[in-house]
Amino acid sequence: ARGQDEKLVINNHVLGGARTFSDVHPGDG
C-alpha cells in the first residue's frame, strides 16, 4: 500500500490515493 498523497499511473491514468471508496466521488478512480 502507498500513501494517500502518492500518485500512481495505470494505462496513462494518473490516480491519487484515498482511505476508502466513499472518500471520492462516484465514478472517480
mmCIF file of all heavy atoms, coordinates in Angstrom:
data_MODEL
# 
_entry.id   MODEL 
# 
loop_
_atom_site.group_PDB 
_atom_site.id 
_atom_site.type_symbol 
_atom_site.label_atom_id 
_atom_site.label_alt_id 
_atom_site.label_comp_id 
_atom_site.label_asym_id 
_atom_site.label_entity_id 
_atom_site.label_seq_id 
_atom_site.pdbx_PDB_ins_code 
_atom_site.Cartn_x 
_atom_site.Cartn_y 
_atom_site.Cartn_z 
_atom_site.occupancy 
_atom_site.B_iso_or_equiv 
_atom_site.pdbx_formal_charge 
_atom_site.auth_seq_id 
_atom_site.auth_comp_id 
_atom_site.auth_asym_id 
_atom_site.auth_atom_id 
_atom_site.pdbx_PDB_model_num 
ATOM 1   N N   . ALA A 1 1  ? 0.822   -1.207 0.000   1.00 0.00 ? 1  ALA A N   1 
ATOM 2   C CA  . ALA A 1 1  ? 0.000   0.000  0.000   1.00 0.00 ? 1  ALA A CA  1 
ATOM 3   C C   . ALA A 1 1  ? 0.860   1.263  0.000   1.00 0.00 ? 1  ALA A C   1 
ATOM 4   O O   . ALA A 1 1  ? 1.907   1.322  0.646   1.00 0.00 ? 1  ALA A O   1 
ATOM 5   C CB  . ALA A 1 1  ? -0.917  -0.014 1.208   1.00 0.00 ? 1  ALA A CB  1 
ATOM 6   N N   . ARG A 1 2  ? 0.427   2.246  -0.741  1.00 0.00 ? 2  ARG A N   1 
ATOM 7   C CA  . ARG A 1 2  ? 1.121   3.524  -0.850  1.00 0.00 ? 2  ARG A CA  1 
ATOM 8   C C   . ARG A 1 2  ? 0.387   4.591  -0.050  1.00 0.00 ? 2  ARG A C   1 
ATOM 9   O O   . ARG A 1 2  ? -0.796  4.467  0.253   1.00 0.00 ? 2  ARG A O   1 
ATOM 10  C CB  . ARG A 1 2  ? 1.214   3.953  -2.323  1.00 0.00 ? 2  ARG A CB  1 
ATOM 11  C CG  . ARG A 1 2  ? 2.032   3.006  -3.195  1.00 0.00 ? 2  ARG A CG  1 
ATOM 12  C CD  . ARG A 1 2  ? 3.452   2.878  -2.668  1.00 0.00 ? 2  ARG A CD  1 
ATOM 13  N NE  . ARG A 1 2  ? 4.355   2.226  -3.591  1.00 0.00 ? 2  ARG A NE  1 
ATOM 14  C CZ  . ARG A 1 2  ? 4.875   1.022  -3.430  1.00 0.00 ? 2  ARG A CZ  1 
ATOM 15  N NH1 . ARG A 1 2  ? 4.540   0.300  -2.371  1.00 0.00 ? 2  ARG A NH1 1 
ATOM 16  N NH2 . ARG A 1 2  ? 5.718   0.524  -4.305  1.00 0.00 ? 2  ARG A NH2 1 
ATOM 17  N N   . GLY A 1 3  ? 1.101   5.673  0.261   1.00 0.00 ? 3  GLY A N   1 
ATOM 18  C CA  . GLY A 1 3  ? 0.483   6.780  0.976   1.00 0.00 ? 3  GLY A CA  1 
ATOM 19  C C   . GLY A 1 3  ? -0.577  7.458  0.126   1.00 0.00 ? 3  GLY A C   1 
ATOM 20  O O   . GLY A 1 3  ? -0.503  7.463  -1.104  1.00 0.00 ? 3  GLY A O   1 
ATOM 21  N N   . GLN A 1 4  ? -1.560  8.045  0.786   1.00 0.00 ? 4  GLN A N   1 
ATOM 22  C CA  . GLN A 1 4  ? -2.658  8.667  0.066   1.00 0.00 ? 4  GLN A CA  1 
ATOM 23  C C   . GLN A 1 4  ? -2.219  9.870  -0.763  1.00 0.00 ? 4  GLN A C   1 
ATOM 24  O O   . GLN A 1 4  ? -2.892  10.251 -1.723  1.00 0.00 ? 4  GLN A O   1 
ATOM 25  C CB  . GLN A 1 4  ? -3.752  9.085  1.048   1.00 0.00 ? 4  GLN A CB  1 
ATOM 26  C CG  . GLN A 1 4  ? -4.431  7.905  1.730   1.00 0.00 ? 4  GLN A CG  1 
ATOM 27  C CD  . GLN A 1 4  ? -5.519  8.325  2.693   1.00 0.00 ? 4  GLN A CD  1 
ATOM 28  O OE1 . GLN A 1 4  ? -6.142  9.369  2.529   1.00 0.00 ? 4  GLN A OE1 1 
ATOM 29  N NE2 . GLN A 1 4  ? -5.748  7.514  3.720   1.00 0.00 ? 4  GLN A NE2 1 
ATOM 30  N N   . ASP A 1 5  ? -1.086  10.455 -0.422  1.00 0.00 ? 5  ASP A N   1 
ATOM 31  C CA  . ASP A 1 5  ? -0.608  11.618 -1.178  1.00 0.00 ? 5  ASP A CA  1 
ATOM 32  C C   . ASP A 1 5  ? 0.231   11.224 -2.393  1.00 0.00 ? 5  ASP A C   1 
ATOM 33  O O   . ASP A 1 5  ? 0.633   12.090 -3.180  1.00 0.00 ? 5  ASP A O   1 
ATOM 34  C CB  . ASP A 1 5  ? 0.202   12.545 -0.276  1.00 0.00 ? 5  ASP A CB  1 
ATOM 35  C CG  . ASP A 1 5  ? 1.392   11.850 0.375   1.00 0.00 ? 5  ASP A CG  1 
ATOM 36  O OD1 . ASP A 1 5  ? 1.413   10.599 0.399   1.00 0.00 ? 5  ASP A OD1 1 
ATOM 37  O OD2 . ASP A 1 5  ? 2.287   12.559 0.879   1.00 0.00 ? 5  ASP A OD2 1 
ATOM 38  N N   . GLU A 1 6  ? 0.482   9.936  -2.569  1.00 0.00 ? 6  GLU A N   1 
ATOM 39  C CA  . GLU A 1 6  ? 1.263   9.479  -3.715  1.00 0.00 ? 6  GLU A CA  1 
ATOM 40  C C   . GLU A 1 6  ? 0.362   9.262  -4.928  1.00 0.00 ? 6  GLU A C   1 
ATOM 41  O O   . GLU A 1 6  ? -0.803  8.902  -4.804  1.00 0.00 ? 6  GLU A O   1 
ATOM 42  C CB  . GLU A 1 6  ? 1.996   8.179  -3.384  1.00 0.00 ? 6  GLU A CB  1 
ATOM 43  C CG  . GLU A 1 6  ? 3.069   8.332  -2.317  1.00 0.00 ? 6  GLU A CG  1 
ATOM 44  C CD  . GLU A 1 6  ? 3.874   7.064  -2.136  1.00 0.00 ? 6  GLU A CD  1 
ATOM 45  O OE1 . GLU A 1 6  ? 4.254   6.462  -3.164  1.00 0.00 ? 6  GLU A OE1 1 
ATOM 46  O OE2 . GLU A 1 6  ? 4.097   6.667  -0.986  1.00 0.00 ? 6  GLU A OE2 1 
ATOM 47  N N   . LYS A 1 7  ? 0.934   9.471  -6.101  1.00 0.00 ? 7  LYS A N   1 
ATOM 48  C CA  . LYS A 1 7  ? 0.213   9.255  -7.356  1.00 0.00 ? 7  LYS A CA  1 
ATOM 49  C C   . LYS A 1 7  ? 0.666   7.934  -7.986  1.00 0.00 ? 7  LYS A C   1 
ATOM 50  O O   . LYS A 1 7  ? 1.842   7.565  -7.921  1.00 0.00 ? 7  LYS A O   1 
ATOM 51  C CB  . LYS A 1 7  ? 0.494   10.397 -8.346  1.00 0.00 ? 7  LYS A CB  1 
ATOM 52  C CG  . LYS A 1 7  ? 0.134   11.779 -7.833  1.00 0.00 ? 7  LYS A CG  1 
ATOM 53  C CD  . LYS A 1 7  ? -1.368  11.968 -7.723  1.00 0.00 ? 7  LYS A CD  1 
ATOM 54  C CE  . LYS A 1 7  ? -1.701  13.414 -7.343  1.00 0.00 ? 7  LYS A CE  1 
ATOM 55  N NZ  . LYS A 1 7  ? -3.169  13.600 -7.169  1.00 0.00 ? 7  LYS A NZ  1 
ATOM 56  N N   . LEU A 1 8  ? -0.279  7.249  -8.601  1.00 0.00 ? 8  LEU A N   1 
ATOM 57  C CA  . LEU A 1 8  ? 0.025   6.043  -9.359  1.00 0.00 ? 8  LEU A CA  1 
ATOM 58  C C   . LEU A 1 8  ? -0.510  6.215  -10.782 1.00 0.00 ? 8  LEU A C   1 
ATOM 59  O O   . LEU A 1 8  ? -1.511  6.905  -10.998 1.00 0.00 ? 8  LEU A O   1 
ATOM 60  C CB  . LEU A 1 8  ? -0.616  4.814  -8.729  1.00 0.00 ? 8  LEU A CB  1 
ATOM 61  C CG  . LEU A 1 8  ? -0.033  4.292  -7.416  1.00 0.00 ? 8  LEU A CG  1 
ATOM 62  C CD1 . LEU A 1 8  ? -0.786  3.044  -6.981  1.00 0.00 ? 8  LEU A CD1 1 
ATOM 63  C CD2 . LEU A 1 8  ? 1.452   3.998  -7.543  1.00 0.00 ? 8  LEU A CD2 1 
ATOM 64  N N   . VAL A 1 9  ? 0.161   5.556  -11.721 1.00 0.00 ? 9  VAL A N   1 
ATOM 65  C CA  . VAL A 1 9  ? -0.252  5.626  -13.120 1.00 0.00 ? 9  VAL A CA  1 
ATOM 66  C C   . VAL A 1 9  ? -0.553  4.228  -13.618 1.00 0.00 ? 9  VAL A C   1 
ATOM 67  O O   . VAL A 1 9  ? 0.242   3.298  -13.437 1.00 0.00 ? 9  VAL A O   1 
ATOM 68  C CB  . VAL A 1 9  ? 0.840   6.264  -13.999 1.00 0.00 ? 9  VAL A CB  1 
ATOM 69  C CG1 . VAL A 1 9  ? 0.390   6.311  -15.460 1.00 0.00 ? 9  VAL A CG1 1 
ATOM 70  C CG2 . VAL A 1 9  ? 1.183   7.668  -13.513 1.00 0.00 ? 9  VAL A CG2 1 
ATOM 71  N N   . ILE A 1 10 ? -1.724  4.077  -14.247 1.00 0.00 ? 10 ILE A N   1 
ATOM 72  C CA  . ILE A 1 10 ? -2.095  2.817  -14.869 1.00 0.00 ? 10 ILE A CA  1 
ATOM 73  C C   . ILE A 1 10 ? -2.706  3.138  -16.230 1.00 0.00 ? 10 ILE A C   1 
ATOM 74  O O   . ILE A 1 10 ? -3.671  3.891  -16.335 1.00 0.00 ? 10 ILE A O   1 
ATOM 75  C CB  . ILE A 1 10 ? -3.063  1.999  -13.978 1.00 0.00 ? 10 ILE A CB  1 
ATOM 76  C CG1 . ILE A 1 10 ? -3.399  0.662  -14.638 1.00 0.00 ? 10 ILE A CG1 1 
ATOM 77  C CG2 . ILE A 1 10 ? -4.317  2.791  -13.611 1.00 0.00 ? 10 ILE A CG2 1 
ATOM 78  C CD1 . ILE A 1 10 ? -4.093  -0.323 -13.707 1.00 0.00 ? 10 ILE A CD1 1 
ATOM 79  N N   . ASN A 1 11 ? -2.091  2.616  -17.277 1.00 0.00 ? 11 ASN A N   1 
ATOM 80  C CA  . ASN A 1 11 ? -2.550  2.874  -18.653 1.00 0.00 ? 11 ASN A CA  1 
ATOM 81  C C   . ASN A 1 11 ? -2.816  4.361  -18.904 1.00 0.00 ? 11 ASN A C   1 
ATOM 82  O O   . ASN A 1 11 ? -3.867  4.758  -19.422 1.00 0.00 ? 11 ASN A O   1 
ATOM 83  C CB  . ASN A 1 11 ? -3.797  2.040  -18.963 1.00 0.00 ? 11 ASN A CB  1 
ATOM 84  C CG  . ASN A 1 11 ? -3.454  0.597  -19.265 1.00 0.00 ? 11 ASN A CG  1 
ATOM 85  O OD1 . ASN A 1 11 ? -2.299  0.251  -19.517 1.00 0.00 ? 11 ASN A OD1 1 
ATOM 86  N ND2 . ASN A 1 11 ? -4.459  -0.268 -19.225 1.00 0.00 ? 11 ASN A ND2 1 
ATOM 87  N N   . ASN A 1 12 ? -1.848  5.185  -18.494 1.00 0.00 ? 12 ASN A N   1 
ATOM 88  C CA  . ASN A 1 12 ? -1.871  6.641  -18.704 1.00 0.00 ? 12 ASN A CA  1 
ATOM 89  C C   . ASN A 1 12 ? -2.904  7.376  -17.855 1.00 0.00 ? 12 ASN A C   1 
ATOM 90  O O   . ASN A 1 12 ? -3.096  8.590  -18.035 1.00 0.00 ? 12 ASN A O   1 
ATOM 91  C CB  . ASN A 1 12 ? -2.096  6.985  -20.180 1.00 0.00 ? 12 ASN A CB  1 
ATOM 92  C CG  . ASN A 1 12 ? -0.988  6.465  -21.071 1.00 0.00 ? 12 ASN A CG  1 
ATOM 93  O OD1 . ASN A 1 12 ? 0.197   6.586  -20.729 1.00 0.00 ? 12 ASN A OD1 1 
ATOM 94  N ND2 . ASN A 1 12 ? -1.341  5.857  -22.198 1.00 0.00 ? 12 ASN A ND2 1 
ATOM 95  N N   . HIS A 1 13 ? -3.526  6.720  -16.923 1.00 0.00 ? 13 HIS A N   1 
ATOM 96  C CA  . HIS A 1 13 ? -4.432  7.372  -15.981 1.00 0.00 ? 13 HIS A CA  1 
ATOM 97  C C   . HIS A 1 13 ? -3.665  7.644  -14.684 1.00 0.00 ? 13 HIS A C   1 
ATOM 98  O O   . HIS A 1 13 ? -3.095  6.714  -14.096 1.00 0.00 ? 13 HIS A O   1 
ATOM 99  C CB  . HIS A 1 13 ? -5.642  6.492  -15.687 1.00 0.00 ? 13 HIS A CB  1 
ATOM 100 C CG  . HIS A 1 13 ? -6.522  6.252  -16.870 1.00 0.00 ? 13 HIS A CG  1 
ATOM 101 N ND1 . HIS A 1 13 ? -7.572  7.075  -17.195 1.00 0.00 ? 13 HIS A ND1 1 
ATOM 102 C CD2 . HIS A 1 13 ? -6.507  5.266  -17.804 1.00 0.00 ? 13 HIS A CD2 1 
ATOM 103 C CE1 . HIS A 1 13 ? -8.181  6.611  -18.274 1.00 0.00 ? 13 HIS A CE1 1 
ATOM 104 N NE2 . HIS A 1 13 ? -7.544  5.516  -18.672 1.00 0.00 ? 13 HIS A NE2 1 
ATOM 105 N N   . VAL A 1 14 ? -3.656  8.869  -14.237 1.00 0.00 ? 14 VAL A N   1 
ATOM 106 C CA  . VAL A 1 14 ? -2.965  9.249  -13.008 1.00 0.00 ? 14 VAL A CA  1 
ATOM 107 C C   . VAL A 1 14 ? -3.987  9.260  -11.867 1.00 0.00 ? 14 VAL A C   1 
ATOM 108 O O   . VAL A 1 14 ? -5.007  9.955  -11.945 1.00 0.00 ? 14 VAL A O   1 
ATOM 109 C CB  . VAL A 1 14 ? -2.301  10.629 -13.142 1.00 0.00 ? 14 VAL A CB  1 
ATOM 110 C CG1 . VAL A 1 14 ? -1.574  10.987 -11.838 1.00 0.00 ? 14 VAL A CG1 1 
ATOM 111 C CG2 . VAL A 1 14 ? -1.330  10.637 -14.320 1.00 0.00 ? 14 VAL A CG2 1 
ATOM 112 N N   . LEU A 1 15 ? -3.683  8.503  -10.808 1.00 0.00 ? 15 LEU A N   1 
ATOM 113 C CA  . LEU A 1 15 ? -4.629  8.352  -9.710  1.00 0.00 ? 15 LEU A CA  1 
ATOM 114 C C   . LEU A 1 15 ? -4.035  8.801  -8.392  1.00 0.00 ? 15 LEU A C   1 
ATOM 115 O O   . LEU A 1 15 ? -2.883  8.491  -8.081  1.00 0.00 ? 15 LEU A O   1 
ATOM 116 C CB  . LEU A 1 15 ? -5.042  6.876  -9.573  1.00 0.00 ? 15 LEU A CB  1 
ATOM 117 C CG  . LEU A 1 15 ? -5.636  6.193  -10.801 1.00 0.00 ? 15 LEU A CG  1 
ATOM 118 C CD1 . LEU A 1 15 ? -5.874  4.721  -10.502 1.00 0.00 ? 15 LEU A CD1 1 
ATOM 119 C CD2 . LEU A 1 15 ? -6.931  6.875  -11.209 1.00 0.00 ? 15 LEU A CD2 1 
ATOM 120 N N   . GLY A 1 16 ? -4.833  9.517  -7.625  1.00 0.00 ? 16 GLY A N   1 
ATOM 121 C CA  . GLY A 1 16 ? -4.456  9.843  -6.264  1.00 0.00 ? 16 GLY A CA  1 
ATOM 122 C C   . GLY A 1 16 ? -4.944  8.764  -5.314  1.00 0.00 ? 16 GLY A C   1 
ATOM 123 O O   . GLY A 1 16 ? -5.650  7.829  -5.713  1.00 0.00 ? 16 GLY A O   1 
ATOM 124 N N   . GLY A 1 17 ? -4.568  8.899  -4.051  1.00 0.00 ? 17 GLY A N   1 
ATOM 125 C CA  . GLY A 1 17 ? -4.955  7.912  -3.062  1.00 0.00 ? 17 GLY A CA  1 
ATOM 126 C C   . GLY A 1 17 ? -6.130  8.384  -2.225  1.00 0.00 ? 17 GLY A C   1 
ATOM 127 O O   . GLY A 1 17 ? -6.446  9.569  -2.155  1.00 0.00 ? 17 GLY A O   1 
ATOM 128 N N   . ALA A 1 18 ? -6.798  7.438  -1.607  1.00 0.00 ? 18 ALA A N   1 
ATOM 129 C CA  . ALA A 1 18 ? -7.892  7.725  -0.690  1.00 0.00 ? 18 ALA A CA  1 
ATOM 130 C C   . ALA A 1 18 ? -7.924  6.626  0.368   1.00 0.00 ? 18 ALA A C   1 
ATOM 131 O O   . ALA A 1 18 ? -7.341  5.550  0.196   1.00 0.00 ? 18 ALA A O   1 
ATOM 132 C CB  . ALA A 1 18 ? -9.226  7.790  -1.429  1.00 0.00 ? 18 ALA A CB  1 
ATOM 133 N N   . ARG A 1 19 ? -8.627  6.905  1.462   1.00 0.00 ? 19 ARG A N   1 
ATOM 134 C CA  . ARG A 1 19 ? -8.731  5.915  2.523   1.00 0.00 ? 19 ARG A CA  1 
ATOM 135 C C   . ARG A 1 19 ? -9.716  4.819  2.164   1.00 0.00 ? 19 ARG A C   1 
ATOM 136 O O   . ARG A 1 19 ? -9.477  3.645  2.409   1.00 0.00 ? 19 ARG A O   1 
ATOM 137 C CB  . ARG A 1 19 ? -9.159  6.597  3.824   1.00 0.00 ? 19 ARG A CB  1 
ATOM 138 C CG  . ARG A 1 19 ? -9.210  5.671  5.042   1.00 0.00 ? 19 ARG A CG  1 
ATOM 139 C CD  . ARG A 1 19 ? -9.719  6.431  6.271   1.00 0.00 ? 19 ARG A CD  1 
ATOM 140 N NE  . ARG A 1 19 ? -11.096 6.852  6.071   1.00 0.00 ? 19 ARG A NE  1 
ATOM 141 C CZ  . ARG A 1 19 ? -12.165 6.095  6.348   1.00 0.00 ? 19 ARG A CZ  1 
ATOM 142 N NH1 . ARG A 1 19 ? -11.997 4.872  6.829   1.00 0.00 ? 19 ARG A NH1 1 
ATOM 143 N NH2 . ARG A 1 19 ? -13.373 6.555  6.147   1.00 0.00 ? 19 ARG A NH2 1 
ATOM 144 N N   . THR A 1 20 ? -10.863 5.213  1.557   1.00 0.00 ? 20 THR A N   1 
ATOM 145 C CA  . THR A 1 20 ? -11.888 4.241  1.197   1.00 0.00 ? 20 THR A CA  1 
ATOM 146 C C   . THR A 1 20 ? -12.763 4.805  0.085   1.00 0.00 ? 20 THR A C   1 
ATOM 147 O O   . THR A 1 20 ? -12.596 5.957  -0.335  1.00 0.00 ? 20 THR A O   1 
ATOM 148 C CB  . THR A 1 20 ? -12.747 3.857  2.425   1.00 0.00 ? 20 THR A CB  1 
ATOM 149 O OG1 . THR A 1 20 ? -13.574 2.735  2.086   1.00 0.00 ? 20 THR A OG1 1 
ATOM 150 C CG2 . THR A 1 20 ? -13.591 5.012  2.907   1.00 0.00 ? 20 THR A CG2 1 
ATOM 151 N N   . PHE A 1 21 ? -13.689 4.027  -0.399  1.00 0.00 ? 21 PHE A N   1 
ATOM 152 C CA  . PHE A 1 21 ? -14.487 4.357  -1.577  1.00 0.00 ? 21 PHE A CA  1 
ATOM 153 C C   . PHE A 1 21 ? -15.270 5.652  -1.411  1.00 0.00 ? 21 PHE A C   1 
ATOM 154 O O   . PHE A 1 21 ? -15.302 6.504  -2.294  1.00 0.00 ? 21 PHE A O   1 
ATOM 155 C CB  . PHE A 1 21 ? -15.451 3.203  -1.888  1.00 0.00 ? 21 PHE A CB  1 
ATOM 156 C CG  . PHE A 1 21 ? -14.753 1.929  -2.262  1.00 0.00 ? 21 PHE A CG  1 
ATOM 157 C CD1 . PHE A 1 21 ? -14.258 1.072  -1.280  1.00 0.00 ? 21 PHE A CD1 1 
ATOM 158 C CD2 . PHE A 1 21 ? -14.572 1.575  -3.585  1.00 0.00 ? 21 PHE A CD2 1 
ATOM 159 C CE1 . PHE A 1 21 ? -13.607 -0.095 -1.625  1.00 0.00 ? 21 PHE A CE1 1 
ATOM 160 C CE2 . PHE A 1 21 ? -13.921 0.406  -3.945  1.00 0.00 ? 21 PHE A CE2 1 
ATOM 161 C CZ  . PHE A 1 21 ? -13.434 -0.431 -2.961  1.00 0.00 ? 21 PHE A CZ  1 
ATOM 162 N N   . SER A 1 22 ? -15.918 5.811  -0.275  1.00 0.00 ? 22 SER A N   1 
ATOM 163 C CA  . SER A 1 22 ? -16.788 6.975  -0.087  1.00 0.00 ? 22 SER A CA  1 
ATOM 164 C C   . SER A 1 22 ? -16.027 8.285  0.055   1.00 0.00 ? 22 SER A C   1 
ATOM 165 O O   . SER A 1 22 ? -16.642 9.351  0.103   1.00 0.00 ? 22 SER A O   1 
ATOM 166 C CB  . SER A 1 22 ? -17.681 6.766  1.143   1.00 0.00 ? 22 SER A CB  1 
ATOM 167 O OG  . SER A 1 22 ? -16.894 6.581  2.313   1.00 0.00 ? 22 SER A OG  1 
ATOM 168 N N   . ASP A 1 23 ? -14.702 8.212  0.101   1.00 0.00 ? 23 ASP A N   1 
ATOM 169 C CA  . ASP A 1 23 ? -13.905 9.442  0.186   1.00 0.00 ? 23 ASP A CA  1 
ATOM 170 C C   . ASP A 1 23 ? -13.715 10.109 -1.174  1.00 0.00 ? 23 ASP A C   1 
ATOM 171 O O   . ASP A 1 23 ? -13.136 11.196 -1.248  1.00 0.00 ? 23 ASP A O   1 
ATOM 172 C CB  . ASP A 1 23 ? -12.532 9.149  0.807   1.00 0.00 ? 23 ASP A CB  1 
ATOM 173 C CG  . ASP A 1 23 ? -12.622 8.825  2.289   1.00 0.00 ? 23 ASP A CG  1 
ATOM 174 O OD1 . ASP A 1 23 ? -13.690 9.084  2.890   1.00 0.00 ? 23 ASP A OD1 1 
ATOM 175 O OD2 . ASP A 1 23 ? -11.641 8.301  2.859   1.00 0.00 ? 23 ASP A OD2 1 
ATOM 176 N N   . VAL A 1 24 ? -14.160 9.462  -2.239  1.00 0.00 ? 24 VAL A N   1 
ATOM 177 C CA  . VAL A 1 24 ? -14.084 10.071 -3.574  1.00 0.00 ? 24 VAL A CA  1 
ATOM 178 C C   . VAL A 1 24 ? -15.485 10.068 -4.184  1.00 0.00 ? 24 VAL A C   1 
ATOM 179 O O   . VAL A 1 24 ? -16.383 9.354  -3.744  1.00 0.00 ? 24 VAL A O   1 
ATOM 180 C CB  . VAL A 1 24 ? -13.095 9.316  -4.492  1.00 0.00 ? 24 VAL A CB  1 
ATOM 181 C CG1 . VAL A 1 24 ? -11.707 9.259  -3.862  1.00 0.00 ? 24 VAL A CG1 1 
ATOM 182 C CG2 . VAL A 1 24 ? -13.592 7.911  -4.799  1.00 0.00 ? 24 VAL A CG2 1 
ATOM 183 N N   . HIS A 1 25 ? -15.662 10.874 -5.209  1.00 0.00 ? 25 HIS A N   1 
ATOM 184 C CA  . HIS A 1 25 ? -16.968 10.970 -5.864  1.00 0.00 ? 25 HIS A CA  1 
ATOM 185 C C   . HIS A 1 25 ? -17.262 9.700  -6.664  1.00 0.00 ? 25 HIS A C   1 
ATOM 186 O O   . HIS A 1 25 ? -16.346 9.045  -7.171  1.00 0.00 ? 25 HIS A O   1 
ATOM 187 C CB  . HIS A 1 25 ? -17.007 12.174 -6.801  1.00 0.00 ? 25 HIS A CB  1 
ATOM 188 C CG  . HIS A 1 25 ? -16.883 13.496 -6.101  1.00 0.00 ? 25 HIS A CG  1 
ATOM 189 N ND1 . HIS A 1 25 ? -17.836 13.958 -5.224  1.00 0.00 ? 25 HIS A ND1 1 
ATOM 190 C CD2 . HIS A 1 25 ? -15.918 14.453 -6.167  1.00 0.00 ? 25 HIS A CD2 1 
ATOM 191 C CE1 . HIS A 1 25 ? -17.474 15.137 -4.769  1.00 0.00 ? 25 HIS A CE1 1 
ATOM 192 N NE2 . HIS A 1 25 ? -16.305 15.460 -5.318  1.00 0.00 ? 25 HIS A NE2 1 
ATOM 193 N N   . PRO A 1 26 ? -18.553 9.343  -6.800  1.00 0.00 ? 26 PRO A N   1 
ATOM 194 C CA  . PRO A 1 26 ? -18.905 8.211  -7.657  1.00 0.00 ? 26 PRO A CA  1 
ATOM 195 C C   . PRO A 1 26 ? -18.332 8.381  -9.064  1.00 0.00 ? 26 PRO A C   1 
ATOM 196 O O   . PRO A 1 26 ? -18.391 9.467  -9.640  1.00 0.00 ? 26 PRO A O   1 
ATOM 197 C CB  . PRO A 1 26 ? -20.438 8.248  -7.673  1.00 0.00 ? 26 PRO A CB  1 
ATOM 198 C CG  . PRO A 1 26 ? -20.806 8.865  -6.366  1.00 0.00 ? 26 PRO A CG  1 
ATOM 199 C CD  . PRO A 1 26 ? -19.744 9.912  -6.130  1.00 0.00 ? 26 PRO A CD  1 
ATOM 200 N N   . GLY A 1 27 ? -17.729 7.328  -9.569  1.00 0.00 ? 27 GLY A N   1 
ATOM 201 C CA  . GLY A 1 27 ? -17.119 7.366  -10.892 1.00 0.00 ? 27 GLY A CA  1 
ATOM 202 C C   . GLY A 1 27 ? -15.651 7.742  -10.890 1.00 0.00 ? 27 GLY A C   1 
ATOM 203 O O   . GLY A 1 27 ? -14.991 7.609  -11.926 1.00 0.00 ? 27 GLY A O   1 
ATOM 204 N N   . ASP A 1 28 ? -15.130 8.209  -9.743  1.00 0.00 ? 28 ASP A N   1 
ATOM 205 C CA  . ASP A 1 28 ? -13.719 8.602  -9.660  1.00 0.00 ? 28 ASP A CA  1 
ATOM 206 C C   . ASP A 1 28 ? -12.853 7.389  -9.316  1.00 0.00 ? 28 ASP A C   1 
ATOM 207 O O   . ASP A 1 28 ? -13.225 6.548  -8.496  1.00 0.00 ? 28 ASP A O   1 
ATOM 208 C CB  . ASP A 1 28 ? -13.507 9.675  -8.609  1.00 0.00 ? 28 ASP A CB  1 
ATOM 209 C CG  . ASP A 1 28 ? -13.968 11.041 -9.071  1.00 0.00 ? 28 ASP A CG  1 
ATOM 210 O OD1 . ASP A 1 28 ? -14.348 11.176 -10.251 1.00 0.00 ? 28 ASP A OD1 1 
ATOM 211 O OD2 . ASP A 1 28 ? -13.960 11.978 -8.244  1.00 0.00 ? 28 ASP A OD2 1 
ATOM 212 N N   . GLY A 1 29 ? -11.666 7.341  -9.921  1.00 0.00 ? 29 GLY A N   1 
ATOM 213 C CA  . GLY A 1 29 ? -10.707 6.291  -9.628  1.00 0.00 ? 29 GLY A CA  1 
ATOM 214 C C   . GLY A 1 29 ? -9.717  6.726  -8.569  1.00 0.00 ? 29 GLY A C   1 
ATOM 215 O O   . GLY A 1 29 ? -9.450  7.933  -8.412  1.00 0.00 ? 29 GLY A O   1 
# 
